[in-house]
All heavy atoms as atom14 arrays in JSON, in Angstrom:
{
  "sequence": "NALNATALDAIGTRYVCLLNATELRAIDPPSLKLASLNPSACSQETK",
  "atom14_mask": [
    [1, 1, 1, 1, 1, 1, 1, 1, 0, 0, 0, 0, 0, 0],
    [1, 1, 1, 1, 1, 0, 0, 0, 0, 0, 0, 0, 0, 0],
    [1, 1, 1, 1, 1, 1, 1, 1, 0, 0, 0, 0, 0, 0],
    [1, 1, 1, 1, 1, 1, 1, 1, 0, 0, 0, 0, 0, 0],
    [1, 1, 1, 1, 1, 0, 0, 0, 0, 0, 0, 0, 0, 0],
    [1, 1, 1, 1, 1, 1, 1, 0, 0, 0, 0, 0, 0, 0],
    [1, 1, 1, 1, 1, 0, 0, 0, 0, 0, 0, 0, 0, 0],
    [1, 1, 1, 1, 1, 1, 1, 1, 0, 0, 0, 0, 0, 0],
    [1, 1, 1, 1, 1, 1, 1, 1, 0, 0, 0, 0, 0, 0],
    [1, 1, 1, 1, 1, 0, 0, 0, 0, 0, 0, 0, 0, 0],
    [1, 1, 1, 1, 1, 1, 1, 1, 0, 0, 0, 0, 0, 0],
    [1, 1, 1, 1, 0, 0, 0, 0, 0, 0, 0, 0, 0, 0],
    [1, 1, 1, 1, 1, 1, 1, 0, 0, 0, 0, 0, 0, 0],
    [1, 1, 1, 1, 1, 1, 1, 1, 1, 1, 1, 0, 0, 0],
    [1, 1, 1, 1, 1, 1, 1, 1, 1, 1, 1, 1, 0, 0],
    [1, 1, 1, 1, 1, 1, 1, 0, 0, 0, 0, 0, 0, 0],
    [1, 1, 1, 1, 1, 1, 0, 0, 0, 0, 0, 0, 0, 0],
    [1, 1, 1, 1, 1, 1, 1, 1, 0, 0, 0, 0, 0, 0],
    [1, 1, 1, 1, 1, 1, 1, 1, 0, 0, 0, 0, 0, 0],
    [1, 1, 1, 1, 1, 1, 1, 1, 0, 0, 0, 0, 0, 0],
    [1, 1, 1, 1, 1, 0, 0, 0, 0, 0, 0, 0, 0, 0],
    [1, 1, 1, 1, 1, 1, 1, 0, 0, 0, 0, 0, 0, 0],
    [1, 1, 1, 1, 1, 1, 1, 1, 1, 0, 0, 0, 0, 0],
    [1, 1, 1, 1, 1, 1, 1, 1, 0, 0, 0, 0, 0, 0],
    [1, 1, 1, 1, 1, 1, 1, 1, 1, 1, 1, 0, 0, 0],
    [1, 1, 1, 1, 1, 0, 0, 0, 0, 0, 0, 0, 0, 0],
    [1, 1, 1, 1, 1, 1, 1, 1, 0, 0, 0, 0, 0, 0],
    [1, 1, 1, 1, 1, 1, 1, 1, 0, 0, 0, 0, 0, 0],
    [1, 1, 1, 1, 1, 1, 1, 0, 0, 0, 0, 0, 0, 0],
    [1, 1, 1, 1, 1, 1, 1, 0, 0, 0, 0, 0, 0, 0],
    [1, 1, 1, 1, 1, 1, 0, 0, 0, 0, 0, 0, 0, 0],
    [1, 1, 1, 1, 1, 1, 1, 1, 0, 0, 0, 0, 0, 0],
    [1, 1, 1, 1, 1, 1, 1, 1, 1, 0, 0, 0, 0, 0],
    [1, 1, 1, 1, 1, 1, 1, 1, 0, 0, 0, 0, 0, 0],
    [1, 1, 1, 1, 1, 0, 0, 0, 0, 0, 0, 0, 0, 0],
    [1, 1, 1, 1, 1, 1, 0, 0, 0, 0, 0, 0, 0, 0],
    [1, 1, 1, 1, 1, 1, 1, 1, 0, 0, 0, 0, 0, 0],
    [1, 1, 1, 1, 1, 1, 1, 1, 0, 0, 0, 0, 0, 0],
    [1, 1, 1, 1, 1, 1, 1, 0, 0, 0, 0, 0, 0, 0],
    [1, 1, 1, 1, 1, 1, 0, 0, 0, 0, 0, 0, 0, 0],
    [1, 1, 1, 1, 1, 0, 0, 0, 0, 0, 0, 0, 0, 0],
    [1, 1, 1, 1, 1, 1, 0, 0, 0, 0, 0, 0, 0, 0],
    [1, 1, 1, 1, 1, 1, 0, 0, 0, 0, 0, 0, 0, 0],
    [1, 1, 1, 1, 1, 1, 1, 1, 1, 0, 0, 0, 0, 0],
    [1, 1, 1, 1, 1, 1, 1, 1, 1, 0, 0, 0, 0, 0],
    [1, 1, 1, 1, 1, 1, 1, 0, 0, 0, 0, 0, 0, 0],
    [1, 1, 1, 1, 1, 1, 1, 1, 1, 0, 0, 0, 0, 0]
  ],
  "atom14_positions": [
    [[80.09, 111.23, 97.36], [78.8, 110.57, 97.56], [78.82, 109.61, 98.74], [79.82, 108.93, 99.01], [78.39, 109.85, 96.32], [78.17, 110.76, 95.14], [77.44, 111.68, 95.15], [79.0, 110.5, 94.08], [0.0, 0.0, 0.0], [0.0, 0.0, 0.0], [0.0, 0.0, 0.0], [0.0, 0.0, 0.0], [0.0, 0.0, 0.0], [0.0, 0.0, 0.0]],
    [[77.72, 109.54, 99.52], [77.62, 108.72, 100.61], [77.21, 107.28, 100.27], [76.5, 107.08, 99.33], [76.61, 109.25, 101.6], [0.0, 0.0, 0.0], [0.0, 0.0, 0.0], [0.0, 0.0, 0.0], [0.0, 0.0, 0.0], [0.0, 0.0, 0.0], [0.0, 0.0, 0.0], [0.0, 0.0, 0.0], [0.0, 0.0, 0.0], [0.0, 0.0, 0.0]],
    [[77.75, 106.31, 101.04], [77.31, 104.88, 100.8], [76.09, 104.73, 101.65], [76.07, 104.07, 102.63], [78.41, 103.91, 101.24], [79.66, 103.89, 100.32], [80.76, 103.02, 100.9], [79.2, 103.42, 98.89], [0.0, 0.0, 0.0], [0.0, 0.0, 0.0], [0.0, 0.0, 0.0], [0.0, 0.0, 0.0], [0.0, 0.0, 0.0], [0.0, 0.0, 0.0]],
    [[74.95, 105.29, 101.12], [73.66, 105.24, 101.85], [72.93, 104.02, 101.41], [73.43, 103.15, 100.67], [72.83, 106.48, 101.55], [72.67, 106.82, 100.09], [72.74, 105.92, 99.25], [72.47, 108.08, 99.74], [0.0, 0.0, 0.0], [0.0, 0.0, 0.0], [0.0, 0.0, 0.0], [0.0, 0.0, 0.0], [0.0, 0.0, 0.0], [0.0, 0.0, 0.0]],
    [[71.64, 103.9, 101.74], [70.85, 102.66, 101.48], [70.71, 102.52, 99.97], [70.81, 101.37, 99.49], [69.54, 102.78, 102.14], [0.0, 0.0, 0.0], [0.0, 0.0, 0.0], [0.0, 0.0, 0.0], [0.0, 0.0, 0.0], [0.0, 0.0, 0.0], [0.0, 0.0, 0.0], [0.0, 0.0, 0.0], [0.0, 0.0, 0.0], [0.0, 0.0, 0.0]],
    [[70.55, 103.57, 99.26], [70.35, 103.53, 97.81], [71.69, 102.92, 97.15], [71.62, 102.07, 96.28], [70.0, 104.86, 97.21], [68.85, 105.34, 97.79], [69.86, 104.76, 95.7], [0.0, 0.0, 0.0], [0.0, 0.0, 0.0], [0.0, 0.0, 0.0], [0.0, 0.0, 0.0], [0.0, 0.0, 0.0], [0.0, 0.0, 0.0], [0.0, 0.0, 0.0]],
    [[72.83, 103.46, 97.53], [74.07, 103.05, 97.07], [74.34, 101.55, 97.41], [74.78, 100.76, 96.6], [75.24, 103.9, 97.55], [0.0, 0.0, 0.0], [0.0, 0.0, 0.0], [0.0, 0.0, 0.0], [0.0, 0.0, 0.0], [0.0, 0.0, 0.0], [0.0, 0.0, 0.0], [0.0, 0.0, 0.0], [0.0, 0.0, 0.0], [0.0, 0.0, 0.0]],
    [[74.05, 101.22, 98.59], [74.31, 99.82, 99.08], [73.42, 98.88, 98.39], [73.83, 97.73, 98.03], [74.09, 99.73, 100.57], [75.07, 100.43, 101.48], [74.71, 100.35, 102.96], [76.5, 99.94, 101.24], [0.0, 0.0, 0.0], [0.0, 0.0, 0.0], [0.0, 0.0, 0.0], [0.0, 0.0, 0.0], [0.0, 0.0, 0.0], [0.0, 0.0, 0.0]],
    [[72.13, 99.2, 98.03], [71.33, 98.37, 97.3], [71.84, 98.19, 95.87], [71.7, 97.08, 95.28], [69.87, 98.99, 97.21], [68.98, 98.32, 98.32], [69.29, 97.24, 98.75], [67.95, 98.94, 98.64], [0.0, 0.0, 0.0], [0.0, 0.0, 0.0], [0.0, 0.0, 0.0], [0.0, 0.0, 0.0], [0.0, 0.0, 0.0], [0.0, 0.0, 0.0]],
    [[72.4, 99.25, 95.32], [72.98, 99.14, 93.97], [74.2, 98.25, 94.0], [74.41, 97.46, 93.05], [73.33, 100.53, 93.48], [0.0, 0.0, 0.0], [0.0, 0.0, 0.0], [0.0, 0.0, 0.0], [0.0, 0.0, 0.0], [0.0, 0.0, 0.0], [0.0, 0.0, 0.0], [0.0, 0.0, 0.0], [0.0, 0.0, 0.0], [0.0, 0.0, 0.0]],
    [[75.03, 98.34, 95.06], [76.2, 97.49, 95.17], [75.74, 96.04, 95.39], [76.24, 95.14, 94.76], [77.04, 97.98, 96.34], [77.68, 99.36, 96.01], [78.17, 96.97, 96.66], [78.33, 100.06, 97.12], [0.0, 0.0, 0.0], [0.0, 0.0, 0.0], [0.0, 0.0, 0.0], [0.0, 0.0, 0.0], [0.0, 0.0, 0.0], [0.0, 0.0, 0.0]],
    [[74.85, 95.86, 96.4], [74.25, 94.57, 96.61], [75.3, 93.5, 97.02], [76.46, 93.79, 97.15], [0.0, 0.0, 0.0], [0.0, 0.0, 0.0], [0.0, 0.0, 0.0], [0.0, 0.0, 0.0], [0.0, 0.0, 0.0], [0.0, 0.0, 0.0], [0.0, 0.0, 0.0], [0.0, 0.0, 0.0], [0.0, 0.0, 0.0], [0.0, 0.0, 0.0]],
    [[74.74, 92.32, 97.27], [75.55, 91.2, 97.65], [76.65, 90.87, 96.56], [77.74, 90.44, 96.96], [74.7, 89.94, 97.92], [73.85, 90.22, 99.09], [75.56, 88.69, 98.24], [0.0, 0.0, 0.0], [0.0, 0.0, 0.0], [0.0, 0.0, 0.0], [0.0, 0.0, 0.0], [0.0, 0.0, 0.0], [0.0, 0.0, 0.0], [0.0, 0.0, 0.0]],
    [[76.34, 91.11, 95.29], [77.24, 90.75, 94.27], [78.59, 91.47, 94.33], [79.6, 90.89, 94.01], [76.59, 91.07, 92.87], [77.42, 90.6, 91.68], [76.68, 90.87, 90.43], [77.43, 90.49, 89.28], [77.06, 90.62, 87.98], [75.8, 91.14, 87.77], [77.82, 90.19, 86.96], [0.0, 0.0, 0.0], [0.0, 0.0, 0.0], [0.0, 0.0, 0.0]],
    [[78.52, 92.78, 94.8], [79.71, 93.54, 94.82], [80.16, 94.02, 96.2], [81.2, 94.8, 96.28], [79.57, 94.8, 93.9], [79.29, 94.43, 92.48], [78.14, 94.89, 91.83], [80.21, 93.73, 91.72], [77.9, 94.57, 90.47], [80.0, 93.41, 90.37], [78.78, 93.85, 89.77], [78.65, 93.51, 88.43], [0.0, 0.0, 0.0], [0.0, 0.0, 0.0]],
    [[79.48, 93.65, 97.22], [79.8, 94.16, 98.57], [81.19, 93.76, 99.0], [81.88, 94.5, 99.67], [78.74, 93.69, 99.61], [78.86, 92.14, 99.79], [79.0, 94.38, 100.97], [0.0, 0.0, 0.0], [0.0, 0.0, 0.0], [0.0, 0.0, 0.0], [0.0, 0.0, 0.0], [0.0, 0.0, 0.0], [0.0, 0.0, 0.0], [0.0, 0.0, 0.0]],
    [[81.68, 92.55, 98.52], [83.03, 92.12, 98.84], [84.14, 93.01, 98.24], [85.31, 92.94, 98.67], [83.24, 90.72, 98.49], [82.11, 89.55, 99.29], [0.0, 0.0, 0.0], [0.0, 0.0, 0.0], [0.0, 0.0, 0.0], [0.0, 0.0, 0.0], [0.0, 0.0, 0.0], [0.0, 0.0, 0.0], [0.0, 0.0, 0.0], [0.0, 0.0, 0.0]],
    [[83.76, 93.91, 97.25], [84.71, 94.79, 96.61], [85.05, 95.99, 97.47], [86.07, 96.67, 97.27], [84.24, 95.21, 95.27], [84.03, 94.11, 94.22], [83.51, 94.73, 92.99], [85.33, 93.42, 93.91], [0.0, 0.0, 0.0], [0.0, 0.0, 0.0], [0.0, 0.0, 0.0], [0.0, 0.0, 0.0], [0.0, 0.0, 0.0], [0.0, 0.0, 0.0]],
    [[84.22, 96.3, 98.46], [84.39, 97.43, 99.32], [85.66, 97.3, 100.19], [85.87, 96.27, 100.82], [83.24, 97.68, 100.24], [81.89, 97.98, 99.54], [80.75, 98.13, 100.54], [82.03, 99.33, 98.69], [0.0, 0.0, 0.0], [0.0, 0.0, 0.0], [0.0, 0.0, 0.0], [0.0, 0.0, 0.0], [0.0, 0.0, 0.0], [0.0, 0.0, 0.0]],
    [[86.54, 98.29, 100.18], [87.7, 98.16, 101.01], [87.4, 98.69, 102.4], [86.29, 99.16, 102.73], [88.9, 98.97, 100.47], [88.6, 100.43, 100.27], [87.97, 101.09, 101.12], [89.05, 101.02, 99.15], [0.0, 0.0, 0.0], [0.0, 0.0, 0.0], [0.0, 0.0, 0.0], [0.0, 0.0, 0.0], [0.0, 0.0, 0.0], [0.0, 0.0, 0.0]],
    [[88.34, 98.56, 103.35], [88.16, 98.9, 104.79], [87.7, 100.31, 104.92], [86.78, 100.67, 105.73], [89.36, 98.64, 105.54], [0.0, 0.0, 0.0], [0.0, 0.0, 0.0], [0.0, 0.0, 0.0], [0.0, 0.0, 0.0], [0.0, 0.0, 0.0], [0.0, 0.0, 0.0], [0.0, 0.0, 0.0], [0.0, 0.0, 0.0], [0.0, 0.0, 0.0]],
    [[88.28, 101.26, 104.18], [87.91, 102.67, 104.27], [86.55, 102.92, 103.85], [85.74, 103.65, 104.49], [88.87, 103.55, 103.43], [90.22, 103.35, 103.88], [88.52, 105.04, 103.51], [0.0, 0.0, 0.0], [0.0, 0.0, 0.0], [0.0, 0.0, 0.0], [0.0, 0.0, 0.0], [0.0, 0.0, 0.0], [0.0, 0.0, 0.0], [0.0, 0.0, 0.0]],
    [[86.1, 102.31, 102.78], [84.7, 102.41, 102.26], [83.74, 101.82, 103.24], [82.62, 102.32, 103.5], [84.59, 101.73, 100.91], [85.39, 102.58, 99.85], [85.68, 101.77, 98.54], [85.48, 100.54, 98.59], [86.12, 102.37, 97.59], [0.0, 0.0, 0.0], [0.0, 0.0, 0.0], [0.0, 0.0, 0.0], [0.0, 0.0, 0.0], [0.0, 0.0, 0.0]],
    [[84.07, 100.63, 103.85], [83.21, 100.03, 104.72], [83.07, 100.82, 106.01], [81.91, 100.94, 106.54], [83.8, 98.61, 105.19], [83.78, 97.57, 104.11], [84.67, 96.35, 104.5], [82.31, 97.09, 103.87], [0.0, 0.0, 0.0], [0.0, 0.0, 0.0], [0.0, 0.0, 0.0], [0.0, 0.0, 0.0], [0.0, 0.0, 0.0], [0.0, 0.0, 0.0]],
    [[84.04, 101.52, 106.52], [83.91, 102.34, 107.69], [83.11, 103.57, 107.34], [82.61, 104.16, 108.32], [85.36, 102.7, 108.13], [86.14, 101.52, 108.73], [87.39, 101.95, 109.43], [88.18, 100.82, 109.91], [89.17, 100.28, 109.27], [89.57, 100.77, 108.09], [89.77, 99.2, 109.82], [0.0, 0.0, 0.0], [0.0, 0.0, 0.0], [0.0, 0.0, 0.0]],
    [[83.03, 103.96, 106.08], [82.29, 105.18, 105.77], [80.73, 104.87, 105.69], [79.98, 105.85, 105.57], [82.74, 105.67, 104.41], [0.0, 0.0, 0.0], [0.0, 0.0, 0.0], [0.0, 0.0, 0.0], [0.0, 0.0, 0.0], [0.0, 0.0, 0.0], [0.0, 0.0, 0.0], [0.0, 0.0, 0.0], [0.0, 0.0, 0.0], [0.0, 0.0, 0.0]],
    [[80.31, 103.62, 105.77], [78.93, 103.35, 105.73], [78.23, 103.83, 106.95], [78.67, 103.62, 108.11], [78.74, 101.82, 105.6], [79.22, 101.26, 104.32], [77.23, 101.42, 105.75], [79.17, 99.77, 104.11], [0.0, 0.0, 0.0], [0.0, 0.0, 0.0], [0.0, 0.0, 0.0], [0.0, 0.0, 0.0], [0.0, 0.0, 0.0], [0.0, 0.0, 0.0]],
    [[77.13, 104.48, 106.78], [76.36, 104.96, 107.9], [75.46, 103.72, 108.4], [74.65, 103.24, 107.6], [75.4, 106.15, 107.51], [74.61, 106.76, 108.62], [75.19, 106.72, 109.73], [73.53, 107.28, 108.41], [0.0, 0.0, 0.0], [0.0, 0.0, 0.0], [0.0, 0.0, 0.0], [0.0, 0.0, 0.0], [0.0, 0.0, 0.0], [0.0, 0.0, 0.0]],
    [[75.66, 103.31, 109.67], [74.92, 102.09, 110.07], [73.43, 102.06, 109.74], [72.93, 100.99, 109.27], [75.21, 102.15, 111.63], [76.59, 102.75, 111.71], [76.51, 103.81, 110.68], [0.0, 0.0, 0.0], [0.0, 0.0, 0.0], [0.0, 0.0, 0.0], [0.0, 0.0, 0.0], [0.0, 0.0, 0.0], [0.0, 0.0, 0.0], [0.0, 0.0, 0.0]],
    [[72.61, 103.14, 109.97], [71.23, 103.08, 109.71], [70.92, 102.68, 108.21], [69.84, 102.13, 107.95], [70.7, 104.49, 109.97], [71.66, 105.03, 111.02], [73.0, 104.45, 110.62], [0.0, 0.0, 0.0], [0.0, 0.0, 0.0], [0.0, 0.0, 0.0], [0.0, 0.0, 0.0], [0.0, 0.0, 0.0], [0.0, 0.0, 0.0], [0.0, 0.0, 0.0]],
    [[71.86, 102.88, 107.33], [71.66, 102.53, 105.92], [71.39, 101.03, 105.74], [70.75, 100.59, 104.81], [72.88, 102.96, 105.07], [73.05, 104.36, 105.15], [0.0, 0.0, 0.0], [0.0, 0.0, 0.0], [0.0, 0.0, 0.0], [0.0, 0.0, 0.0], [0.0, 0.0, 0.0], [0.0, 0.0, 0.0], [0.0, 0.0, 0.0], [0.0, 0.0, 0.0]],
    [[72.07, 100.21, 106.67], [71.92, 98.81, 106.59], [70.47, 98.33, 106.84], [70.09, 97.2, 106.48], [72.88, 98.1, 107.53], [74.36, 98.25, 107.16], [75.18, 97.54, 108.19], [74.62, 97.69, 105.83], [0.0, 0.0, 0.0], [0.0, 0.0, 0.0], [0.0, 0.0, 0.0], [0.0, 0.0, 0.0], [0.0, 0.0, 0.0], [0.0, 0.0, 0.0]],
    [[69.65, 99.18, 107.49], [68.28, 98.78, 107.71], [67.43, 98.63, 106.49], [66.5, 97.98, 106.39], [67.64, 99.92, 108.66], [68.12, 99.89, 110.12], [67.35, 100.87, 110.91], [67.75, 100.8, 112.44], [67.0, 101.72, 113.26], [0.0, 0.0, 0.0], [0.0, 0.0, 0.0], [0.0, 0.0, 0.0], [0.0, 0.0, 0.0], [0.0, 0.0, 0.0]],
    [[67.87, 99.43, 105.44], [67.08, 99.47, 104.18], [67.79, 98.73, 103.08], [67.2, 98.59, 102.0], [66.9, 100.92, 103.79], [66.12, 101.76, 104.82], [66.14, 103.24, 104.32], [64.77, 101.28, 105.03], [0.0, 0.0, 0.0], [0.0, 0.0, 0.0], [0.0, 0.0, 0.0], [0.0, 0.0, 0.0], [0.0, 0.0, 0.0], [0.0, 0.0, 0.0]],
    [[69.05, 98.27, 103.39], [69.79, 97.58, 102.31], [69.72, 96.02, 102.46], [69.46, 95.6, 103.57], [71.28, 97.98, 102.29], [0.0, 0.0, 0.0], [0.0, 0.0, 0.0], [0.0, 0.0, 0.0], [0.0, 0.0, 0.0], [0.0, 0.0, 0.0], [0.0, 0.0, 0.0], [0.0, 0.0, 0.0], [0.0, 0.0, 0.0], [0.0, 0.0, 0.0]],
    [[69.9, 95.31, 101.44], [69.86, 93.86, 101.47], [71.29, 93.35, 101.09], [71.57, 93.29, 99.88], [68.78, 93.28, 100.51], [68.76, 91.96, 100.53], [0.0, 0.0, 0.0], [0.0, 0.0, 0.0], [0.0, 0.0, 0.0], [0.0, 0.0, 0.0], [0.0, 0.0, 0.0], [0.0, 0.0, 0.0], [0.0, 0.0, 0.0], [0.0, 0.0, 0.0]],
    [[72.07, 93.0, 102.04], [73.4, 92.51, 101.89], [73.64, 91.21, 102.48], [73.06, 90.83, 103.45], [74.45, 93.53, 102.37], [74.4, 94.96, 101.85], [75.4, 95.82, 102.61], [74.66, 94.99, 100.32], [0.0, 0.0, 0.0], [0.0, 0.0, 0.0], [0.0, 0.0, 0.0], [0.0, 0.0, 0.0], [0.0, 0.0, 0.0], [0.0, 0.0, 0.0]],
    [[74.53, 90.41, 101.93], [74.98, 89.14, 102.45], [76.47, 88.99, 102.23], [76.86, 88.6, 101.12], [74.2, 87.97, 101.85], [74.53, 86.69, 102.55], [75.58, 86.53, 103.26], [73.76, 85.63, 102.34], [0.0, 0.0, 0.0], [0.0, 0.0, 0.0], [0.0, 0.0, 0.0], [0.0, 0.0, 0.0], [0.0, 0.0, 0.0], [0.0, 0.0, 0.0]],
    [[77.25, 89.29, 103.23], [78.7, 89.25, 103.05], [79.38, 87.9, 103.32], [80.6, 87.82, 103.62], [79.18, 90.27, 104.1], [78.19, 90.13, 105.24], [76.87, 89.81, 104.55], [0.0, 0.0, 0.0], [0.0, 0.0, 0.0], [0.0, 0.0, 0.0], [0.0, 0.0, 0.0], [0.0, 0.0, 0.0], [0.0, 0.0, 0.0], [0.0, 0.0, 0.0]],
    [[78.59, 86.84, 103.32], [79.12, 85.52, 103.68], [80.29, 85.08, 102.87], [81.12, 84.28, 103.26], [78.0, 84.47, 103.59], [77.47, 84.33, 102.29], [0.0, 0.0, 0.0], [0.0, 0.0, 0.0], [0.0, 0.0, 0.0], [0.0, 0.0, 0.0], [0.0, 0.0, 0.0], [0.0, 0.0, 0.0], [0.0, 0.0, 0.0], [0.0, 0.0, 0.0]],
    [[80.38, 85.54, 101.57], [81.5, 85.18, 100.68], [82.69, 86.12, 100.8], [83.69, 85.96, 100.01], [80.98, 85.1, 99.25], [0.0, 0.0, 0.0], [0.0, 0.0, 0.0], [0.0, 0.0, 0.0], [0.0, 0.0, 0.0], [0.0, 0.0, 0.0], [0.0, 0.0, 0.0], [0.0, 0.0, 0.0], [0.0, 0.0, 0.0], [0.0, 0.0, 0.0]],
    [[82.62, 87.11, 101.6], [83.67, 88.12, 101.69], [84.84, 87.71, 102.62], [84.71, 86.74, 103.35], [83.09, 89.45, 102.18], [81.73, 90.15, 101.17], [0.0, 0.0, 0.0], [0.0, 0.0, 0.0], [0.0, 0.0, 0.0], [0.0, 0.0, 0.0], [0.0, 0.0, 0.0], [0.0, 0.0, 0.0], [0.0, 0.0, 0.0], [0.0, 0.0, 0.0]],
    [[85.85, 88.51, 102.68], [86.92, 88.24, 103.56], [86.51, 88.44, 105.04], [85.48, 89.05, 105.31], [88.12, 89.24, 103.31], [87.72, 90.54, 103.65], [0.0, 0.0, 0.0], [0.0, 0.0, 0.0], [0.0, 0.0, 0.0], [0.0, 0.0, 0.0], [0.0, 0.0, 0.0], [0.0, 0.0, 0.0], [0.0, 0.0, 0.0], [0.0, 0.0, 0.0]],
    [[87.23, 87.92, 105.94], [86.91, 88.01, 107.37], [86.93, 89.49, 107.81], [86.06, 89.84, 108.63], [87.86, 87.2, 108.2], [87.44, 87.0, 109.65], [86.08, 86.32, 109.77], [85.87, 85.26, 109.26], [85.11, 86.99, 110.36], [0.0, 0.0, 0.0], [0.0, 0.0, 0.0], [0.0, 0.0, 0.0], [0.0, 0.0, 0.0], [0.0, 0.0, 0.0]],
    [[87.83, 90.24, 107.35], [87.9, 91.7, 107.7], [86.54, 92.38, 107.26], [86.01, 93.13, 108.06], [89.04, 92.41, 107.05], [89.13, 93.83, 107.41], [90.23, 94.56, 106.69], [90.6, 94.16, 105.58], [90.65, 95.62, 107.21], [0.0, 0.0, 0.0], [0.0, 0.0, 0.0], [0.0, 0.0, 0.0], [0.0, 0.0, 0.0], [0.0, 0.0, 0.0]],
    [[86.08, 92.06, 106.09], [84.83, 92.69, 105.55], [83.64, 92.2, 106.5], [82.82, 92.99, 106.86], [84.53, 92.29, 104.15], [85.58, 92.82, 103.3], [83.18, 92.84, 103.71], [0.0, 0.0, 0.0], [0.0, 0.0, 0.0], [0.0, 0.0, 0.0], [0.0, 0.0, 0.0], [0.0, 0.0, 0.0], [0.0, 0.0, 0.0], [0.0, 0.0, 0.0]],
    [[83.59, 90.93, 106.81], [82.54, 90.4, 107.68], [82.61, 91.07, 109.03], [81.52, 91.41, 109.56], [82.72, 88.9, 107.84], [82.43, 88.06, 106.6], [82.78, 86.58, 106.89], [82.62, 85.73, 105.65], [82.91, 84.35, 105.94], [0.0, 0.0, 0.0], [0.0, 0.0, 0.0], [0.0, 0.0, 0.0], [0.0, 0.0, 0.0], [0.0, 0.0, 0.0]]
  ]
}
């Protein structure tokens, strides 16, 4: 399954910091246009 806008919304700010580097790289950039995320509490690599 793709980490599209629907999946990213389900993950949300609460769980976005759980994504590892491989999963983050798999995100399709346009998906962020429709997702609401705030990675301010995440690791520097995630940011």
